Protein backbone atom coordinates (compact mmCIF):
# COMPACT_ATOMS: atom_id res chain seq x y z
CA MET A 1 0.00 0.00 0.00
CA ASN A 2 1.93 3.00 -1.32
CA LEU A 3 0.75 6.04 0.64
CA ILE A 4 3.92 8.08 0.14
CA PRO A 5 2.30 10.60 -2.29
CA ALA A 6 -0.58 11.19 0.13
CA ILE A 7 1.88 11.67 3.00
CA VAL A 8 3.89 14.14 0.94
CA GLN A 9 0.67 15.99 0.11
CA ALA A 10 -0.22 16.15 3.81
CA VAL A 11 3.19 17.60 4.69
CA PHE A 12 2.89 20.37 2.10
CA ALA A 13 -0.70 21.04 3.16
CA ILE A 14 0.41 21.53 6.76
CA VAL A 15 3.27 23.82 5.75
CA GLY A 16 1.02 25.90 3.51
CA LEU A 17 -1.70 26.24 6.16
CA ASP A 18 0.84 27.22 8.84
CA ILE A 19 2.26 29.98 6.65
CA LEU A 20 -1.26 31.07 5.78
CA ARG A 21 -2.17 31.28 9.49
CA ARG A 22 0.95 33.09 10.67
CA ARG A 23 2.05 35.30 7.80
CA VAL A 24 -0.84 35.90 5.41
CA LEU A 25 -4.25 36.04 7.06
CA PRO A 26 -3.35 38.30 10.04
CA ARG A 27 -2.12 40.98 7.59
CA LEU A 28 -4.72 40.49 4.89
CA ASN A 29 -7.10 43.27 5.95
CA THR A 30 -4.29 45.86 5.67
CA LEU A 31 -2.50 44.33 2.67
CA PRO A 32 -2.41 46.46 -0.53
CA HIS A 33 -4.33 44.71 -3.30
CA ALA A 34 -5.57 42.00 -0.93
CA GLY A 35 -8.27 41.24 -3.49
CA LEU A 36 -5.61 39.65 -5.67
CA PHE A 37 -5.19 36.92 -3.04
CA ILE A 38 -8.86 36.63 -2.06
CA ASN A 39 -10.24 36.59 -5.61
CA VAL A 40 -7.47 34.86 -7.56
CA TRP A 41 -4.45 33.34 -5.81
CA GLY A 42 -6.33 32.01 -2.79
CA PRO A 43 -8.90 30.17 -4.93
CA ILE A 44 -6.07 28.80 -7.07
CA ALA A 45 -4.31 27.48 -3.96
CA LEU A 46 -7.57 25.76 -2.96
CA VAL A 47 -8.39 24.27 -6.36
CA LEU A 48 -4.99 23.06 -7.62
CA PRO A 49 -4.95 19.74 -5.68
CA MET A 50 -8.41 18.94 -7.07
CA LEU A 51 -7.49 19.79 -10.67
CA ALA A 52 -4.62 17.29 -10.45
CA ALA A 53 -7.21 14.55 -9.85
CA VAL A 54 -8.54 15.10 -13.40
CA ARG A 55 -5.83 12.63 -14.46
CA ARG A 56 -8.01 9.75 -13.21
CA VAL A 57 -11.27 10.85 -14.84
CA ASP A 58 -12.53 8.45 -17.49
CA ALA A 59 -15.62 8.43 -19.71
CA ASP A 60 -17.90 7.66 -16.75
CA ALA A 61 -17.20 10.93 -14.98
CA GLY A 62 -19.95 10.28 -12.46
CA VAL A 63 -17.79 7.52 -10.95
CA THR A 64 -14.30 8.99 -11.27
CA ALA A 65 -14.67 12.79 -11.32
CA TRP A 66 -15.87 13.49 -7.78
CA PRO A 67 -12.36 14.15 -6.34
CA ALA A 68 -11.95 16.84 -9.00
CA LEU A 69 -15.36 18.24 -9.90
CA GLY A 70 -17.78 17.24 -7.16
CA GLN A 71 -15.41 18.43 -4.46
CA ILE A 72 -15.06 21.83 -6.15
CA PHE A 73 -18.85 22.26 -6.16
CA LEU A 74 -18.80 22.04 -2.35
CA LEU A 75 -16.19 24.76 -1.87
CA MET A 76 -18.69 27.59 -1.59
CA PRO A 77 -21.07 25.78 0.79
CA ILE A 78 -18.13 24.94 3.05
CA GLY A 79 -16.77 28.50 2.83
CA VAL A 80 -20.13 30.06 3.69
CA ALA A 81 -20.69 27.55 6.52
CA CYS A 82 -17.28 28.32 8.05
CA ALA A 83 -17.96 32.05 7.73
CA MET A 84 -21.25 31.65 9.57
CA LEU A 85 -19.83 29.32 12.21
CA VAL A 86 -16.56 30.96 13.26
CA GLY A 87 -16.26 34.06 11.07
CA ARG A 88 -14.91 37.24 12.62
CA MET A 89 -17.20 40.15 11.92
CA ARG A 90 -15.60 43.38 10.78
CA SER A 91 -15.55 46.42 13.00
CA SER A 92 -17.83 49.35 12.31
CA HIS A 93 -14.92 51.32 10.86
CA GLU A 94 -14.10 48.51 8.45
CA GLY A 95 -17.78 48.24 7.59
CA GLN A 96 -17.88 51.88 6.56
CA VAL A 97 -14.92 51.32 4.26
CA ASN A 98 -16.48 48.21 2.70
CA ALA A 99 -19.83 49.96 2.17
CA ALA A 100 -18.27 51.75 -0.81
CA HIS A 101 -17.79 48.34 -2.46
CA GLU A 102 -21.28 47.01 -1.80
CA ARG A 103 -22.19 47.12 -5.48
CA GLN A 104 -19.13 45.04 -6.34
CA GLN A 105 -20.02 42.55 -3.62
CA TRP A 106 -23.50 42.07 -5.10
CA ALA A 107 -21.92 41.61 -8.53
CA ASP A 108 -19.72 38.89 -7.03
CA TRP A 109 -22.73 37.10 -5.57
CA ALA A 110 -24.47 37.31 -8.95
CA CYS A 111 -21.46 35.67 -10.61
CA TRP A 112 -21.43 32.88 -8.04
CA VAL A 113 -25.14 32.24 -8.52
CA GLY A 114 -24.64 32.20 -12.30
CA ALA A 115 -21.78 29.72 -12.06
CA ALA A 116 -23.78 27.48 -9.73
CA MET A 117 -26.69 27.56 -12.19
CA VAL A 118 -24.32 26.43 -14.94
CA PHE A 119 -23.23 23.51 -12.77
CA VAL A 120 -26.83 22.54 -12.03
CA LEU A 121 -27.63 22.64 -15.76
CA MET A 122 -24.55 20.53 -16.52
CA THR A 123 -25.63 17.89 -14.01
CA ALA A 124 -29.14 17.97 -15.47
CA LEU A 125 -27.65 17.45 -18.94
CA GLY A 126 -25.56 14.64 -17.52
CA GLN A 127 -22.80 14.74 -20.12
CA LEU A 128 -19.86 16.88 -21.21
CA SER A 129 -18.72 17.66 -24.75
CA MET A 130 -15.52 19.27 -25.93
CA PRO A 131 -17.15 22.56 -27.08
CA VAL A 132 -19.09 22.95 -23.81
CA GLY A 133 -15.97 22.24 -21.79
CA GLN A 134 -13.95 24.82 -23.68
CA CYS A 135 -16.67 27.44 -23.29
CA ALA A 136 -16.73 26.76 -19.56
CA PHE A 137 -12.95 27.08 -19.33
CA ALA A 138 -13.02 30.36 -21.25
CA LEU A 139 -15.73 31.72 -18.96
CA GLY A 140 -13.67 30.79 -15.91
CA ALA A 141 -10.63 32.54 -17.39
CA VAL A 142 -12.71 35.67 -18.06
CA LEU A 143 -13.92 35.69 -14.44
CA MET A 144 -10.33 35.39 -13.23
CA TRP A 145 -9.26 38.27 -15.45
CA TRP A 146 -12.23 40.39 -14.33
CA ARG A 147 -11.51 39.92 -10.63
CA THR A 148 -7.76 40.52 -10.91
CA PRO A 149 -7.23 44.03 -9.50
CA ASP A 150 -5.05 46.50 -11.32
CA SER A 151 -2.05 47.10 -9.06
CA GLY A 152 -0.84 50.02 -11.14
CA ALA A 153 2.05 52.04 -9.83
CA ASP A 154 1.24 51.23 -6.19
CA SER A 155 3.18 47.98 -6.38
CA GLU A 156 6.42 49.91 -6.80
CA SER A 157 5.95 51.69 -3.47
CA MET A 158 4.91 48.58 -1.52
CA GLY A 159 6.43 48.49 1.96
CA GLY A 160 8.53 45.76 3.50
CA ASP A 161 5.68 44.17 5.46
CA ALA A 162 3.51 43.94 2.34
CA ALA A 163 6.39 42.48 0.34
CA ARG A 164 6.98 39.83 3.00
CA THR A 165 3.28 38.98 2.99
CA TRP A 166 3.30 38.50 -0.77
CA ASN A 167 6.40 36.32 -0.44
CA ALA A 168 4.45 34.20 2.05
CA ILE A 169 1.54 33.98 -0.41
CA SER A 170 4.01 32.73 -3.03
CA ILE A 171 5.11 29.97 -0.64
CA VAL A 172 1.47 29.00 -0.04
CA LEU A 173 1.00 28.71 -3.81
CA MET A 174 4.16 26.62 -4.19
CA CYS A 175 2.88 24.29 -1.46
CA ALA A 176 -0.40 23.97 -3.40
CA ILE A 177 1.56 23.11 -6.56
CA ALA A 178 3.51 20.48 -4.62
CA GLN A 179 0.23 19.06 -3.32
CA SER A 180 -1.14 18.80 -6.84
CA ALA A 181 2.02 16.96 -7.95
CA ALA A 182 1.57 14.51 -5.07
CA VAL A 183 -2.09 13.99 -6.02
CA TYR A 184 -1.05 13.28 -9.60
CA PHE A 185 1.23 10.44 -8.49
CA CYS A 186 -1.35 8.63 -6.34
CA THR A 187 -1.65 5.38 -8.29
CA ASN A 188 -3.81 3.02 -6.22
CA HIS A 189 -7.18 3.03 -4.49
CA GLU A 190 -5.84 3.46 -0.97
CA ALA A 191 -3.57 6.36 -1.93
CA GLU A 192 -6.39 8.04 -3.83
CA ARG A 193 -8.76 7.83 -0.87
CA ALA A 194 -6.06 9.13 1.48
CA SER A 195 -5.27 11.95 -0.94
CA VAL A 196 -8.90 13.04 -1.20
CA LEU A 197 -9.19 12.94 2.60
CA VAL A 198 -6.11 15.16 2.89
CA THR A 199 -7.57 17.57 0.32
CA SER A 200 -10.87 17.72 2.21
CA LEU A 201 -9.13 18.51 5.50
CA TYR A 202 -6.94 21.07 3.76
CA VAL A 203 -9.99 22.85 2.35
CA LEU A 204 -11.81 22.78 5.70
CA LEU A 205 -8.85 24.21 7.63
CA PHE A 206 -8.19 26.79 4.92
CA PHE A 207 -11.73 28.15 5.29
CA LEU A 208 -11.81 27.92 9.09
CA LEU A 209 -8.54 29.84 9.36
CA SER A 210 -9.67 32.41 6.80
CA ALA A 211 -12.94 33.02 8.63
CA ARG A 212 -11.43 33.14 12.12
CA VAL A 213 -8.11 34.91 11.57
CA SER A 214 -9.17 37.28 8.78
CA SER A 215 -12.95 37.68 8.49
CA ALA A 216 -16.18 35.99 7.46
CA GLU A 217 -16.12 37.98 4.22
CA THR A 218 -12.69 36.58 3.34
CA ALA A 219 -13.88 32.97 3.74
CA THR A 220 -17.03 33.67 1.75
CA ARG A 221 -15.19 35.28 -1.16
CA LEU A 222 -12.58 32.55 -1.22
CA GLY A 223 -15.33 29.94 -1.35
CA GLY A 224 -17.34 31.75 -4.00
CA TRP A 225 -14.50 32.35 -6.42
CA SER A 226 -12.87 28.95 -5.92
CA MET A 227 -16.22 27.30 -6.68
CA ALA A 228 -17.02 29.49 -9.68
CA MET A 229 -13.64 29.76 -11.39
CA GLY A 230 -12.41 26.35 -10.27
CA GLY A 231 -15.55 24.50 -11.36
CA LEU A 232 -15.69 26.15 -14.77
CA MET A 233 -12.00 25.54 -15.43
CA CYS A 234 -12.26 21.96 -14.18
CA LEU A 235 -14.94 21.24 -16.78
CA GLY A 236 -12.58 22.57 -19.44
CA VAL A 237 -9.61 20.57 -18.16
CA ILE A 238 -11.69 17.37 -18.09
CA ALA A 239 -12.82 18.02 -21.67
CA MET A 240 -9.25 18.59 -22.87
CA ALA A 241 -7.85 15.59 -20.97
CA ARG A 242 -10.51 13.31 -22.44
CA PHE A 243 -10.52 14.76 -25.97
CA PHE A 244 -6.82 14.96 -26.83
CA PRO A 245 -6.14 11.17 -26.77
CA THR A 246 -9.03 10.57 -29.18
CA ALA A 247 -7.90 13.48 -31.33
CA ILE A 248 -4.38 12.04 -31.56
CA ALA A 249 -5.77 8.61 -32.39
CA SER A 250 -7.98 10.17 -35.07
CA PHE A 251 -4.98 11.97 -36.55
CA GLN A 252 -2.98 8.74 -36.68
CA ASP A 253 -5.88 6.74 -38.09
CA ARG A 254 -7.70 9.11 -40.39
CA GLY A 255 -10.68 6.77 -40.66
CA THR A 256 -11.53 7.19 -36.95
CA PRO A 257 -13.35 10.43 -36.10
CA ALA A 258 -12.49 12.23 -32.88
CA GLN A 259 -15.09 11.87 -30.14
CA MET A 260 -16.60 15.24 -29.20
CA GLN A 261 -18.65 13.68 -26.40
CA VAL A 262 -15.97 13.24 -23.76
CA ALA A 263 -17.76 12.27 -20.52
CA TYR A 264 -21.14 11.26 -19.11
CA GLY A 265 -22.61 10.59 -15.67
CA LEU A 266 -22.42 14.17 -14.36
CA GLY A 267 -25.95 13.79 -13.05
CA ARG A 268 -24.51 12.03 -9.99
CA PHE A 269 -23.22 15.41 -8.81
CA THR A 270 -26.67 17.02 -8.75
CA LEU A 271 -26.66 17.14 -4.95
CA GLU A 272 -23.34 19.01 -4.81
CA ALA A 273 -24.31 21.44 -7.56
CA SER A 274 -27.71 22.12 -5.98
CA THR A 275 -26.09 22.74 -2.59
CA ALA A 276 -23.75 25.26 -4.23
CA LEU A 277 -26.71 27.02 -5.87
CA VAL A 278 -28.68 27.22 -2.61
CA CYS A 279 -25.72 28.63 -0.67
CA ALA A 280 -24.87 31.11 -3.43
CA SER A 281 -28.47 32.30 -3.58
CA ALA A 282 -29.17 32.44 0.16
CA GLY A 283 -25.70 33.43 1.33
CA PRO A 284 -26.25 37.22 1.51
CA LEU A 285 -29.35 36.66 3.65
CA LEU A 286 -27.80 34.00 5.90
CA LEU A 287 -24.74 36.11 6.68
CA ARG A 288 -26.98 38.95 7.93
CA TRP A 289 -28.89 36.86 10.48
CA PRO A 290 -28.32 37.18 14.26
CA GLY A 291 -25.12 35.62 15.58
CA ALA A 292 -26.50 32.60 17.47
CA LEU A 293 -28.90 31.59 14.69
CA GLN A 294 -26.20 32.16 12.09
CA ARG A 295 -23.75 29.90 13.92
CA MET A 296 -26.37 27.17 14.31
CA ILE A 297 -27.20 27.19 10.59
CA GLY A 298 -23.50 27.31 9.73
CA ALA A 299 -22.87 24.23 11.88
CA ILE A 300 -25.76 22.38 10.19
CA VAL A 301 -24.58 23.25 6.67
CA LEU A 302 -20.98 22.33 7.48
CA ALA A 303 -22.04 19.01 9.00
CA MET A 304 -24.13 18.21 5.91
CA CYS A 305 -21.22 19.03 3.58
CA LEU A 306 -18.76 16.94 5.60
CA ALA A 307 -21.22 14.04 5.72
CA LEU A 308 -21.65 14.23 1.95
CA GLU A 309 -17.87 14.26 1.47
CA ALA A 310 -17.45 11.28 3.80
CA TRP A 311 -20.11 9.36 1.85
CA ARG A 312 -18.41 10.11 -1.46
CA ILE A 313 -14.94 9.22 -0.17
CA ALA A 314 -16.16 5.91 1.30
CA GLY A 315 -18.46 5.07 -1.59
CA PHE A 316 -18.48 4.80 -5.34
CA SER A 317 -16.14 7.64 -6.31
CA PHE A 318 -13.10 5.38 -6.64
CA SER A 319 -14.67 2.16 -7.81
CA ALA A 320 -13.50 2.61 -11.40
CA SER A 321 -10.21 4.42 -10.85
CA GLY A 322 -7.86 1.51 -10.99
CA HIS A 323 -5.04 3.12 -12.92
């Protein structure tokens, strides 16, 4: 039973989370261009280990794609639940500053709802084609470009503390890349299950730390953008990974047409996609409820998400992944 890749992944996950806790999140609220981490680099650090699992997706994506796609659908529900459960509310002074960006915040929620609706429609369709996958990937790239703030000339005058924080963010990203490499080299059922368990714990601790050390808004935005951009790009990566082998075979044997229908069985992720849509739609209301009620609902949502993850990890998600 070769669990070395999963152990390596766990080591890099711990290192990345420790740096996140000590050197990134405490300074995030005063960091210049913090939106670059919250909207782009943070979601990338969350999603990379899941995208590496696309390697094991075959034609029956409903059986083999949960570690990549189904897990990404749950990122926003888990982020919102952690924000409700342990999130630190901003002070009144910070609230006055953020009020100027309320319109942008509502635009973000609209994007998350739209992405979740796309995922629900994809699970209702039940199958993935190459053109649909590429359109989804392009949409995810556009969202990433749209939410990347323009640093302008301010980056040249960035102080030493801010520069050290960005160096720490770079280390967190390198740890995420190392995790994804470890996930890629998990080659048996036991290692795959252990790897997905490590990824699930990594995601949970990432959101809990973000909500507690930084703010509830930070955890919510990380969850929203990692679900939206990560899910859309994952659909595109699955389409490319499944299409290129058939395209190469078609090129070598000109009598064999390339298969544009690359995967089926996405309907098995309807529960995850629907949960993402409900949390994206109700999130602005839930986060405004009184503290005790908010924490209770957050605990219920988080318990439901963790129970769903445990069921998927213990169940059918790996039954066909015998690479």
